[in-house]
Amino acid sequence: MITRCGWASSDPLYFAYHDEEWGVPAHDDRHLFEMLILEGAQAGLSWITILRKREAYREAFDGFDPAVVAGYGDEKIAALLADTGIVRNRLKINAAVRNARAFLDVQREHGSFDSYVWGFVGGEPRRNAWAALGELPANTPESDALSKDLKKRGFTFVGSTIVYSFMQATGMVNDHTTECFRYAEIG
């Protein structure tokens, strides 16, 4: 019997996401952009909702190419608002476009978004040792600092809780519970 983190329910999408992706250190800028947009889209919703729509998001947002998303105009935004495959929330869609533009600015300034965000954890994943899901924080001083800096740079839907979820998802922090089989595998 495999022991997983308590949030990874019986849904096969949760199993795959938990077992193969969540908490694994990610350094590809396009993937980091995708996760930033998806975490923002999740605000107020369950993560399984976003996982079920992830492929539709990838198609609708041109494979999460930030250079393409940054160029979206009114016509593309209207098409996204009509796309039943994604969360059709005007604020979240506009945030994705705005965040793509800010993302490109960060890349120009830091060489990559990866080097920028990973700098908030000293370039190495933070490894916590939570025994139970209830011990995990909603935010940390690092997520507070990253959130504040992202907002200063023009990003939206990047509150500290959303940013901490992004940090967990992209392996900037290992928040698998200690009894979870992935805790030791990720290190």
N, C-alpha and C. Protein backbone atom coordinates (compact mmCIF):
# COMPACT_ATOMS: atom_id res chain seq x y z
N MET A 1 0.84 -1.19 0.00
CA MET A 1 0.00 0.00 0.00
C MET A 1 0.88 1.26 0.00
N ILE A 2 0.63 2.13 -0.94
CA ILE A 2 1.39 3.38 -1.06
C ILE A 2 0.74 4.44 -0.17
N THR A 3 1.58 5.12 0.61
CA THR A 3 1.09 6.21 1.44
C THR A 3 1.41 7.52 0.77
N ARG A 4 0.35 8.31 0.51
CA ARG A 4 0.49 9.62 -0.12
C ARG A 4 0.07 10.70 0.86
N CYS A 5 0.37 11.94 0.48
CA CYS A 5 -0.13 13.09 1.23
C CYS A 5 -1.66 13.04 1.26
N GLY A 6 -2.24 13.50 2.35
CA GLY A 6 -3.67 13.41 2.54
C GLY A 6 -4.52 14.10 1.49
N TRP A 7 -3.98 15.13 0.82
CA TRP A 7 -4.78 15.85 -0.17
C TRP A 7 -4.92 15.07 -1.48
N ALA A 8 -4.07 14.10 -1.72
CA ALA A 8 -4.12 13.33 -2.97
C ALA A 8 -5.19 12.26 -2.85
N SER A 9 -6.41 12.66 -3.10
CA SER A 9 -7.57 11.78 -2.93
C SER A 9 -7.56 10.62 -3.92
N SER A 10 -8.66 9.96 -4.05
CA SER A 10 -8.73 8.77 -4.89
C SER A 10 -8.82 9.09 -6.38
N ASP A 11 -8.87 10.33 -6.77
CA ASP A 11 -8.96 10.69 -8.18
C ASP A 11 -7.63 10.37 -8.89
N PRO A 12 -7.67 9.66 -10.00
CA PRO A 12 -6.43 9.32 -10.72
C PRO A 12 -5.62 10.56 -11.14
N LEU A 13 -6.28 11.66 -11.44
CA LEU A 13 -5.55 12.88 -11.79
C LEU A 13 -4.74 13.38 -10.60
N TYR A 14 -5.33 13.31 -9.41
CA TYR A 14 -4.59 13.70 -8.21
C TYR A 14 -3.39 12.78 -7.98
N PHE A 15 -3.60 11.47 -8.15
CA PHE A 15 -2.50 10.52 -7.98
C PHE A 15 -1.35 10.86 -8.92
N ALA A 16 -1.66 11.04 -10.19
CA ALA A 16 -0.61 11.31 -11.18
C ALA A 16 0.10 12.63 -10.87
N TYR A 17 -0.66 13.66 -10.56
CA TYR A 17 -0.07 14.96 -10.27
C TYR A 17 0.82 14.88 -9.02
N HIS A 18 0.29 14.26 -7.97
CA HIS A 18 1.05 14.11 -6.73
C HIS A 18 2.30 13.26 -6.93
N ASP A 19 2.15 12.12 -7.58
CA ASP A 19 3.23 11.15 -7.69
C ASP A 19 4.33 11.57 -8.67
N GLU A 20 3.99 12.35 -9.68
CA GLU A 20 4.95 12.64 -10.75
C GLU A 20 5.41 14.09 -10.81
N GLU A 21 4.63 15.02 -10.26
CA GLU A 21 4.94 16.43 -10.50
C GLU A 21 5.04 17.28 -9.24
N TRP A 22 4.09 17.19 -8.34
CA TRP A 22 4.03 18.10 -7.20
C TRP A 22 5.26 17.97 -6.32
N GLY A 23 5.93 19.06 -6.11
CA GLY A 23 7.10 19.06 -5.25
C GLY A 23 8.42 18.76 -5.95
N VAL A 24 8.37 18.42 -7.23
CA VAL A 24 9.59 18.14 -7.97
C VAL A 24 10.19 19.48 -8.42
N PRO A 25 11.45 19.74 -8.11
CA PRO A 25 12.06 21.01 -8.50
C PRO A 25 11.95 21.25 -10.01
N ALA A 26 11.31 22.37 -10.37
CA ALA A 26 11.09 22.73 -11.77
C ALA A 26 11.92 23.96 -12.11
N HIS A 27 12.58 23.91 -13.25
CA HIS A 27 13.43 25.03 -13.66
C HIS A 27 13.16 25.51 -15.08
N ASP A 28 12.19 24.93 -15.74
CA ASP A 28 11.83 25.34 -17.09
C ASP A 28 10.88 26.55 -17.02
N ASP A 29 11.26 27.65 -17.65
CA ASP A 29 10.46 28.87 -17.56
C ASP A 29 9.03 28.69 -18.05
N ARG A 30 8.83 27.96 -19.12
CA ARG A 30 7.46 27.78 -19.62
C ARG A 30 6.62 27.02 -18.60
N HIS A 31 7.19 26.00 -18.00
CA HIS A 31 6.46 25.26 -16.97
C HIS A 31 6.18 26.15 -15.76
N LEU A 32 7.15 26.95 -15.37
CA LEU A 32 6.93 27.87 -14.24
C LEU A 32 5.82 28.86 -14.56
N PHE A 33 5.77 29.35 -15.80
CA PHE A 33 4.69 30.25 -16.20
C PHE A 33 3.35 29.53 -16.14
N GLU A 34 3.30 28.32 -16.66
CA GLU A 34 2.07 27.53 -16.62
C GLU A 34 1.57 27.39 -15.18
N MET A 35 2.46 27.01 -14.28
CA MET A 35 2.04 26.79 -12.89
C MET A 35 1.60 28.09 -12.22
N LEU A 36 2.26 29.19 -12.54
CA LEU A 36 1.85 30.48 -11.97
C LEU A 36 0.44 30.83 -12.43
N ILE A 37 0.15 30.62 -13.71
CA ILE A 37 -1.18 30.94 -14.24
C ILE A 37 -2.23 29.98 -13.67
N LEU A 38 -1.91 28.69 -13.62
CA LEU A 38 -2.88 27.72 -13.09
C LEU A 38 -3.15 27.94 -11.61
N GLU A 39 -2.13 28.26 -10.84
CA GLU A 39 -2.35 28.52 -9.41
C GLU A 39 -3.25 29.75 -9.23
N GLY A 40 -3.06 30.76 -10.04
CA GLY A 40 -3.94 31.93 -9.98
C GLY A 40 -5.36 31.59 -10.41
N ALA A 41 -5.49 30.74 -11.43
CA ALA A 41 -6.82 30.33 -11.90
C ALA A 41 -7.56 29.53 -10.83
N GLN A 42 -6.80 28.86 -9.98
CA GLN A 42 -7.42 28.02 -8.95
C GLN A 42 -8.03 28.83 -7.82
N ALA A 43 -7.64 30.08 -7.65
CA ALA A 43 -8.13 30.89 -6.53
C ALA A 43 -9.63 30.76 -6.37
N GLY A 44 -10.05 30.30 -5.20
CA GLY A 44 -11.47 30.13 -4.90
C GLY A 44 -12.06 28.82 -5.40
N LEU A 45 -11.25 28.00 -6.03
CA LEU A 45 -11.72 26.73 -6.58
C LEU A 45 -10.87 25.59 -6.03
N SER A 46 -11.25 24.37 -6.31
CA SER A 46 -10.45 23.23 -5.90
C SER A 46 -9.40 22.94 -6.97
N TRP A 47 -8.28 22.40 -6.55
CA TRP A 47 -7.21 22.10 -7.50
C TRP A 47 -7.64 21.05 -8.51
N ILE A 48 -8.51 20.12 -8.11
CA ILE A 48 -8.96 19.09 -9.05
C ILE A 48 -9.70 19.72 -10.22
N THR A 49 -10.41 20.82 -9.97
CA THR A 49 -11.09 21.52 -11.06
C THR A 49 -10.08 21.98 -12.10
N ILE A 50 -8.97 22.53 -11.64
CA ILE A 50 -7.93 23.00 -12.56
C ILE A 50 -7.25 21.83 -13.25
N LEU A 51 -6.96 20.77 -12.51
CA LEU A 51 -6.33 19.60 -13.13
C LEU A 51 -7.20 19.04 -14.25
N ARG A 52 -8.50 19.01 -14.05
CA ARG A 52 -9.41 18.49 -15.07
C ARG A 52 -9.45 19.39 -16.31
N LYS A 53 -9.14 20.65 -16.14
CA LYS A 53 -9.15 21.61 -17.24
C LYS A 53 -7.75 21.91 -17.79
N ARG A 54 -6.75 21.26 -17.26
CA ARG A 54 -5.36 21.62 -17.59
C ARG A 54 -5.05 21.50 -19.07
N GLU A 55 -5.45 20.42 -19.70
CA GLU A 55 -5.18 20.26 -21.14
C GLU A 55 -5.90 21.32 -21.95
N ALA A 56 -7.12 21.67 -21.56
CA ALA A 56 -7.85 22.73 -22.26
C ALA A 56 -7.15 24.07 -22.06
N TYR A 57 -6.60 24.30 -20.88
CA TYR A 57 -5.82 25.51 -20.62
C TYR A 57 -4.59 25.56 -21.53
N ARG A 58 -3.90 24.44 -21.64
CA ARG A 58 -2.70 24.40 -22.48
C ARG A 58 -3.03 24.76 -23.93
N GLU A 59 -4.15 24.23 -24.40
CA GLU A 59 -4.56 24.54 -25.77
C GLU A 59 -5.01 26.00 -25.88
N ALA A 60 -5.84 26.44 -24.98
CA ALA A 60 -6.39 27.81 -25.03
C ALA A 60 -5.31 28.87 -24.88
N PHE A 61 -4.29 28.59 -24.08
CA PHE A 61 -3.22 29.55 -23.81
C PHE A 61 -1.94 29.23 -24.58
N ASP A 62 -2.10 28.65 -25.77
CA ASP A 62 -0.98 28.43 -26.68
C ASP A 62 0.22 27.79 -26.01
N GLY A 63 -0.03 26.70 -25.29
CA GLY A 63 1.04 25.96 -24.64
C GLY A 63 1.76 26.75 -23.56
N PHE A 64 1.10 27.77 -23.05
CA PHE A 64 1.66 28.65 -22.02
C PHE A 64 2.97 29.29 -22.46
N ASP A 65 3.01 29.69 -23.71
CA ASP A 65 4.15 30.46 -24.21
C ASP A 65 3.94 31.91 -23.76
N PRO A 66 4.73 32.40 -22.81
CA PRO A 66 4.48 33.74 -22.28
C PRO A 66 4.57 34.84 -23.34
N ALA A 67 5.42 34.65 -24.35
CA ALA A 67 5.54 35.66 -25.40
C ALA A 67 4.25 35.76 -26.22
N VAL A 68 3.60 34.63 -26.45
CA VAL A 68 2.34 34.62 -27.19
C VAL A 68 1.21 35.19 -26.31
N VAL A 69 1.14 34.72 -25.07
CA VAL A 69 0.08 35.17 -24.16
C VAL A 69 0.18 36.68 -23.92
N ALA A 70 1.39 37.20 -23.85
CA ALA A 70 1.59 38.63 -23.62
C ALA A 70 0.99 39.47 -24.75
N GLY A 71 0.87 38.89 -25.92
CA GLY A 71 0.33 39.62 -27.07
C GLY A 71 -1.17 39.50 -27.26
N TYR A 72 -1.85 38.81 -26.36
CA TYR A 72 -3.29 38.66 -26.51
C TYR A 72 -3.99 40.02 -26.45
N GLY A 73 -4.91 40.20 -27.38
CA GLY A 73 -5.72 41.40 -27.41
C GLY A 73 -7.17 41.08 -27.08
N ASP A 74 -8.03 42.03 -27.33
CA ASP A 74 -9.45 41.91 -26.98
C ASP A 74 -10.13 40.71 -27.64
N GLU A 75 -9.77 40.44 -28.91
CA GLU A 75 -10.41 39.33 -29.63
C GLU A 75 -10.07 37.99 -28.98
N LYS A 76 -8.81 37.78 -28.64
CA LYS A 76 -8.39 36.53 -28.01
C LYS A 76 -8.99 36.41 -26.61
N ILE A 77 -9.02 37.51 -25.87
CA ILE A 77 -9.61 37.48 -24.53
C ILE A 77 -11.09 37.12 -24.61
N ALA A 78 -11.80 37.67 -25.60
CA ALA A 78 -13.22 37.32 -25.80
C ALA A 78 -13.36 35.83 -26.09
N ALA A 79 -12.46 35.28 -26.91
CA ALA A 79 -12.51 33.85 -27.22
C ALA A 79 -12.26 33.02 -25.96
N LEU A 80 -11.32 33.45 -25.12
CA LEU A 80 -11.06 32.73 -23.87
C LEU A 80 -12.27 32.78 -22.94
N LEU A 81 -12.94 33.92 -22.90
CA LEU A 81 -14.13 34.05 -22.04
C LEU A 81 -15.28 33.15 -22.52
N ALA A 82 -15.23 32.75 -23.79
CA ALA A 82 -16.26 31.87 -24.33
C ALA A 82 -15.85 30.40 -24.29
N ASP A 83 -14.63 30.11 -23.90
CA ASP A 83 -14.09 28.75 -23.91
C ASP A 83 -14.55 27.99 -22.67
N THR A 84 -15.44 27.03 -22.86
CA THR A 84 -15.99 26.27 -21.73
C THR A 84 -14.98 25.30 -21.12
N GLY A 85 -13.85 25.11 -21.77
CA GLY A 85 -12.84 24.20 -21.25
C GLY A 85 -12.00 24.77 -20.13
N ILE A 86 -12.06 26.10 -19.95
CA ILE A 86 -11.27 26.76 -18.91
C ILE A 86 -12.19 27.50 -17.95
N VAL A 87 -11.63 28.03 -16.89
CA VAL A 87 -12.39 28.87 -15.96
C VAL A 87 -12.58 30.21 -16.65
N ARG A 88 -13.83 30.56 -16.93
CA ARG A 88 -14.13 31.77 -17.70
C ARG A 88 -14.37 32.95 -16.76
N ASN A 89 -13.30 33.39 -16.18
CA ASN A 89 -13.35 34.50 -15.25
C ASN A 89 -12.51 35.63 -15.85
N ARG A 90 -13.16 36.76 -16.14
CA ARG A 90 -12.48 37.87 -16.82
C ARG A 90 -11.24 38.34 -16.06
N LEU A 91 -11.35 38.44 -14.73
CA LEU A 91 -10.20 38.91 -13.93
C LEU A 91 -9.02 37.96 -14.04
N LYS A 92 -9.30 36.66 -14.00
CA LYS A 92 -8.23 35.67 -14.07
C LYS A 92 -7.60 35.61 -15.46
N ILE A 93 -8.41 35.75 -16.49
CA ILE A 93 -7.89 35.74 -17.85
C ILE A 93 -7.06 37.00 -18.10
N ASN A 94 -7.57 38.14 -17.69
CA ASN A 94 -6.79 39.38 -17.84
C ASN A 94 -5.49 39.30 -17.04
N ALA A 95 -5.55 38.66 -15.87
CA ALA A 95 -4.34 38.50 -15.06
C ALA A 95 -3.31 37.65 -15.79
N ALA A 96 -3.75 36.62 -16.48
CA ALA A 96 -2.81 35.76 -17.22
C ALA A 96 -2.06 36.58 -18.27
N VAL A 97 -2.76 37.45 -18.97
CA VAL A 97 -2.13 38.28 -20.01
C VAL A 97 -1.18 39.29 -19.36
N ARG A 98 -1.64 39.93 -18.32
CA ARG A 98 -0.80 40.90 -17.61
C ARG A 98 0.44 40.21 -17.02
N ASN A 99 0.23 39.04 -16.44
CA ASN A 99 1.34 38.30 -15.84
C ASN A 99 2.34 37.84 -16.90
N ALA A 100 1.86 37.51 -18.10
CA ALA A 100 2.78 37.14 -19.18
C ALA A 100 3.70 38.30 -19.52
N ARG A 101 3.15 39.50 -19.57
CA ARG A 101 3.97 40.68 -19.87
C ARG A 101 4.99 40.93 -18.76
N ALA A 102 4.55 40.81 -17.52
CA ALA A 102 5.46 41.01 -16.39
C ALA A 102 6.51 39.89 -16.35
N PHE A 103 6.11 38.68 -16.70
CA PHE A 103 7.00 37.52 -16.76
C PHE A 103 8.15 37.80 -17.73
N LEU A 104 7.82 38.33 -18.91
CA LEU A 104 8.84 38.65 -19.91
C LEU A 104 9.79 39.72 -19.40
N ASP A 105 9.25 40.69 -18.66
CA ASP A 105 10.11 41.71 -18.06
C ASP A 105 11.10 41.10 -17.08
N VAL A 106 10.62 40.15 -16.26
CA VAL A 106 11.50 39.47 -15.30
C VAL A 106 12.58 38.68 -16.05
N GLN A 107 12.19 38.00 -17.12
CA GLN A 107 13.18 37.25 -17.91
C GLN A 107 14.26 38.17 -18.44
N ARG A 108 13.85 39.32 -18.96
CA ARG A 108 14.83 40.27 -19.50
C ARG A 108 15.77 40.77 -18.41
N GLU A 109 15.21 41.02 -17.22
CA GLU A 109 16.03 41.55 -16.13
C GLU A 109 16.95 40.51 -15.51
N HIS A 110 16.45 39.28 -15.34
CA HIS A 110 17.20 38.26 -14.59
C HIS A 110 17.77 37.14 -15.47
N GLY A 111 17.52 37.18 -16.75
CA GLY A 111 18.00 36.12 -17.63
C GLY A 111 17.01 34.98 -17.75
N SER A 112 16.29 34.70 -16.69
CA SER A 112 15.23 33.69 -16.69
C SER A 112 14.32 33.93 -15.49
N PHE A 113 13.10 33.48 -15.62
CA PHE A 113 12.18 33.55 -14.49
C PHE A 113 12.64 32.59 -13.41
N ASP A 114 13.20 31.47 -13.85
CA ASP A 114 13.73 30.45 -12.95
C ASP A 114 14.75 31.05 -11.97
N SER A 115 15.73 31.76 -12.47
CA SER A 115 16.75 32.31 -11.57
C SER A 115 16.14 33.34 -10.62
N TYR A 116 15.15 34.07 -11.09
CA TYR A 116 14.48 35.05 -10.24
C TYR A 116 13.73 34.38 -9.08
N VAL A 117 12.81 33.45 -9.39
CA VAL A 117 11.99 32.88 -8.31
C VAL A 117 12.80 32.00 -7.37
N TRP A 118 13.75 31.24 -7.91
CA TRP A 118 14.54 30.36 -7.06
C TRP A 118 15.45 31.15 -6.13
N GLY A 119 15.72 32.38 -6.47
CA GLY A 119 16.51 33.23 -5.58
C GLY A 119 15.83 33.47 -4.24
N PHE A 120 14.52 33.33 -4.19
CA PHE A 120 13.78 33.54 -2.95
C PHE A 120 13.94 32.39 -1.96
N VAL A 121 14.50 31.27 -2.43
CA VAL A 121 14.81 30.14 -1.53
C VAL A 121 16.29 29.81 -1.60
N GLY A 122 17.09 30.76 -2.00
CA GLY A 122 18.53 30.55 -2.05
C GLY A 122 18.99 29.56 -3.10
N GLY A 123 18.15 29.31 -4.11
CA GLY A 123 18.52 28.41 -5.19
C GLY A 123 18.35 26.93 -4.90
N GLU A 124 17.95 26.59 -3.69
CA GLU A 124 17.78 25.18 -3.30
C GLU A 124 16.39 24.97 -2.70
N PRO A 125 15.78 23.79 -2.94
CA PRO A 125 14.47 23.53 -2.35
C PRO A 125 14.53 23.54 -0.81
N ARG A 126 13.51 24.10 -0.21
CA ARG A 126 13.37 24.02 1.24
C ARG A 126 12.71 22.69 1.56
N ARG A 127 13.27 21.95 2.48
CA ARG A 127 12.72 20.64 2.84
C ARG A 127 12.12 20.72 4.23
N ASN A 128 10.82 20.67 4.27
CA ASN A 128 10.12 20.68 5.55
C ASN A 128 9.92 19.25 6.02
N ALA A 129 9.43 19.10 7.22
CA ALA A 129 9.20 17.76 7.78
C ALA A 129 7.87 17.75 8.52
N TRP A 130 6.80 17.87 7.75
CA TRP A 130 5.46 17.89 8.34
C TRP A 130 4.95 16.46 8.51
N ALA A 131 4.48 16.14 9.70
CA ALA A 131 3.95 14.80 9.95
C ALA A 131 2.52 14.66 9.43
N ALA A 132 1.79 15.76 9.41
CA ALA A 132 0.39 15.70 9.00
C ALA A 132 0.05 16.90 8.12
N LEU A 133 -0.92 16.72 7.26
CA LEU A 133 -1.36 17.76 6.33
C LEU A 133 -1.73 19.05 7.05
N GLY A 134 -2.34 18.94 8.21
CA GLY A 134 -2.76 20.11 8.97
C GLY A 134 -1.62 20.99 9.46
N GLU A 135 -0.39 20.49 9.41
CA GLU A 135 0.77 21.27 9.85
C GLU A 135 1.28 22.23 8.77
N LEU A 136 0.94 21.96 7.51
CA LEU A 136 1.44 22.79 6.41
C LEU A 136 0.91 24.21 6.54
N PRO A 137 1.79 25.20 6.39
CA PRO A 137 1.34 26.58 6.46
C PRO A 137 0.66 27.00 5.16
N ALA A 138 -0.13 28.06 5.23
CA ALA A 138 -0.74 28.62 4.03
C ALA A 138 0.22 29.57 3.32
N ASN A 139 1.18 30.08 4.05
CA ASN A 139 2.19 30.96 3.49
C ASN A 139 3.40 30.95 4.42
N THR A 140 4.50 31.51 3.92
CA THR A 140 5.75 31.57 4.68
C THR A 140 6.39 32.94 4.45
N PRO A 141 7.41 33.26 5.20
CA PRO A 141 8.11 34.53 4.92
C PRO A 141 8.63 34.60 3.47
N GLU A 142 9.07 33.46 2.91
CA GLU A 142 9.55 33.44 1.53
C GLU A 142 8.42 33.70 0.54
N SER A 143 7.26 33.08 0.78
CA SER A 143 6.14 33.33 -0.14
C SER A 143 5.62 34.75 0.02
N ASP A 144 5.69 35.29 1.24
CA ASP A 144 5.31 36.69 1.46
C ASP A 144 6.22 37.61 0.65
N ALA A 145 7.52 37.36 0.71
CA ALA A 145 8.49 38.20 0.01
C ALA A 145 8.33 38.08 -1.51
N LEU A 146 8.17 36.87 -2.01
CA LEU A 146 8.00 36.67 -3.45
C LEU A 146 6.70 37.31 -3.92
N SER A 147 5.63 37.11 -3.18
CA SER A 147 4.35 37.72 -3.52
C SER A 147 4.45 39.24 -3.60
N LYS A 148 5.07 39.81 -2.61
CA LYS A 148 5.22 41.28 -2.57
C LYS A 148 6.03 41.77 -3.77
N ASP A 149 7.11 41.06 -4.11
CA ASP A 149 7.94 41.48 -5.23
C ASP A 149 7.22 41.28 -6.56
N LEU A 150 6.50 40.18 -6.71
CA LEU A 150 5.72 39.96 -7.94
C LEU A 150 4.70 41.08 -8.13
N LYS A 151 4.00 41.43 -7.07
CA LYS A 151 3.00 42.51 -7.17
C LYS A 151 3.67 43.82 -7.56
N LYS A 152 4.82 44.10 -6.98
CA LYS A 152 5.57 45.32 -7.30
C LYS A 152 5.92 45.36 -8.79
N ARG A 153 6.12 44.18 -9.37
CA ARG A 153 6.48 44.07 -10.78
C ARG A 153 5.26 44.04 -11.70
N GLY A 154 4.05 44.14 -11.15
CA GLY A 154 2.85 44.20 -11.96
C GLY A 154 2.05 42.92 -12.08
N PHE A 155 2.48 41.85 -11.43
CA PHE A 155 1.73 40.60 -11.46
C PHE A 155 0.46 40.73 -10.61
N THR A 156 -0.57 39.99 -11.00
CA THR A 156 -1.80 39.92 -10.21
C THR A 156 -2.17 38.46 -9.97
N PHE A 157 -3.09 38.23 -9.04
CA PHE A 157 -3.44 36.88 -8.59
C PHE A 157 -2.19 36.17 -8.09
N VAL A 158 -1.41 36.87 -7.30
CA VAL A 158 -0.17 36.33 -6.74
C VAL A 158 -0.08 36.66 -5.25
N GLY A 159 -1.19 36.50 -4.54
CA GLY A 159 -1.14 36.67 -3.10
C GLY A 159 -0.23 35.61 -2.50
N SER A 160 0.13 35.79 -1.25
CA SER A 160 1.11 34.91 -0.62
C SER A 160 0.66 33.45 -0.58
N THR A 161 -0.63 33.19 -0.39
CA THR A 161 -1.12 31.80 -0.37
C THR A 161 -1.01 31.17 -1.75
N ILE A 162 -1.38 31.92 -2.79
CA ILE A 162 -1.25 31.42 -4.16
C ILE A 162 0.23 31.17 -4.48
N VAL A 163 1.08 32.10 -4.08
CA VAL A 163 2.51 31.95 -4.34
C VAL A 163 3.08 30.76 -3.59
N TYR A 164 2.61 30.52 -2.36
CA TYR A 164 3.12 29.35 -1.64
C TYR A 164 2.70 28.06 -2.33
N SER A 165 1.49 28.02 -2.84
CA SER A 165 1.05 26.85 -3.60
C SER A 165 1.91 26.66 -4.84
N PHE A 166 2.25 27.76 -5.50
CA PHE A 166 3.16 27.71 -6.65
C PHE A 166 4.52 27.16 -6.22
N MET A 167 5.03 27.62 -5.09
CA MET A 167 6.33 27.15 -4.60
C MET A 167 6.29 25.66 -4.28
N GLN A 168 5.19 25.19 -3.70
CA GLN A 168 5.04 23.76 -3.41
C GLN A 168 4.99 22.96 -4.72
N ALA A 169 4.18 23.44 -5.65
CA ALA A 169 3.97 22.72 -6.91
C ALA A 169 5.25 22.60 -7.71
N THR A 170 6.08 23.64 -7.68
CA THR A 170 7.29 23.65 -8.50
C THR A 170 8.53 23.20 -7.75
N GLY A 171 8.36 22.64 -6.58
CA GLY A 171 9.46 22.05 -5.84
C GLY A 171 10.39 23.03 -5.16
N MET A 172 10.01 24.28 -5.09
CA MET A 172 10.83 25.24 -4.36
C MET A 172 10.82 24.89 -2.88
N VAL A 173 9.79 24.15 -2.49
CA VAL A 173 9.66 23.66 -1.12
C VAL A 173 9.13 22.23 -1.20
N ASN A 174 9.68 21.34 -0.41
CA ASN A 174 9.18 19.96 -0.34
C ASN A 174 8.24 19.89 0.85
N ASP A 175 6.94 19.93 0.55
CA ASP A 175 5.92 19.86 1.59
C ASP A 175 5.17 18.54 1.58
N HIS A 176 5.77 17.50 0.98
CA HIS A 176 5.18 16.17 1.14
C HIS A 176 5.28 15.83 2.62
N THR A 177 4.25 15.24 3.17
CA THR A 177 4.31 14.84 4.57
C THR A 177 5.33 13.71 4.71
N THR A 178 5.89 13.59 5.89
CA THR A 178 7.00 12.65 6.10
C THR A 178 6.62 11.20 5.86
N GLU A 179 5.35 10.84 6.02
CA GLU A 179 4.96 9.44 5.77
C GLU A 179 4.68 9.18 4.29
N CYS A 180 4.62 10.22 3.48
CA CYS A 180 4.36 10.09 2.05
C CYS A 180 5.59 9.50 1.36
N PHE A 181 5.36 8.58 0.43
CA PHE A 181 6.47 7.92 -0.26
C PHE A 181 7.31 8.91 -1.07
N ARG A 182 6.73 10.03 -1.49
CA ARG A 182 7.47 11.00 -2.31
C ARG A 182 8.41 11.88 -1.45
N TYR A 183 8.16 11.96 -0.16
CA TYR A 183 8.98 12.82 0.70
C TYR A 183 10.46 12.45 0.58
N ALA A 184 10.77 11.19 0.76
CA ALA A 184 12.16 10.74 0.70
C ALA A 184 12.67 10.70 -0.74
N GLU A 185 11.81 10.39 -1.70
CA GLU A 185 12.25 10.31 -3.09
C GLU A 185 12.72 11.66 -3.62
N ILE A 186 12.01 12.71 -3.24
CA ILE A 186 12.36 14.05 -3.73
C ILE A 186 13.55 14.60 -2.97
N GLY A 187 13.60 14.30 -1.69
CA GLY A 187 14.74 14.72 -0.88
C GLY A 187 14.63 16.11 -0.30
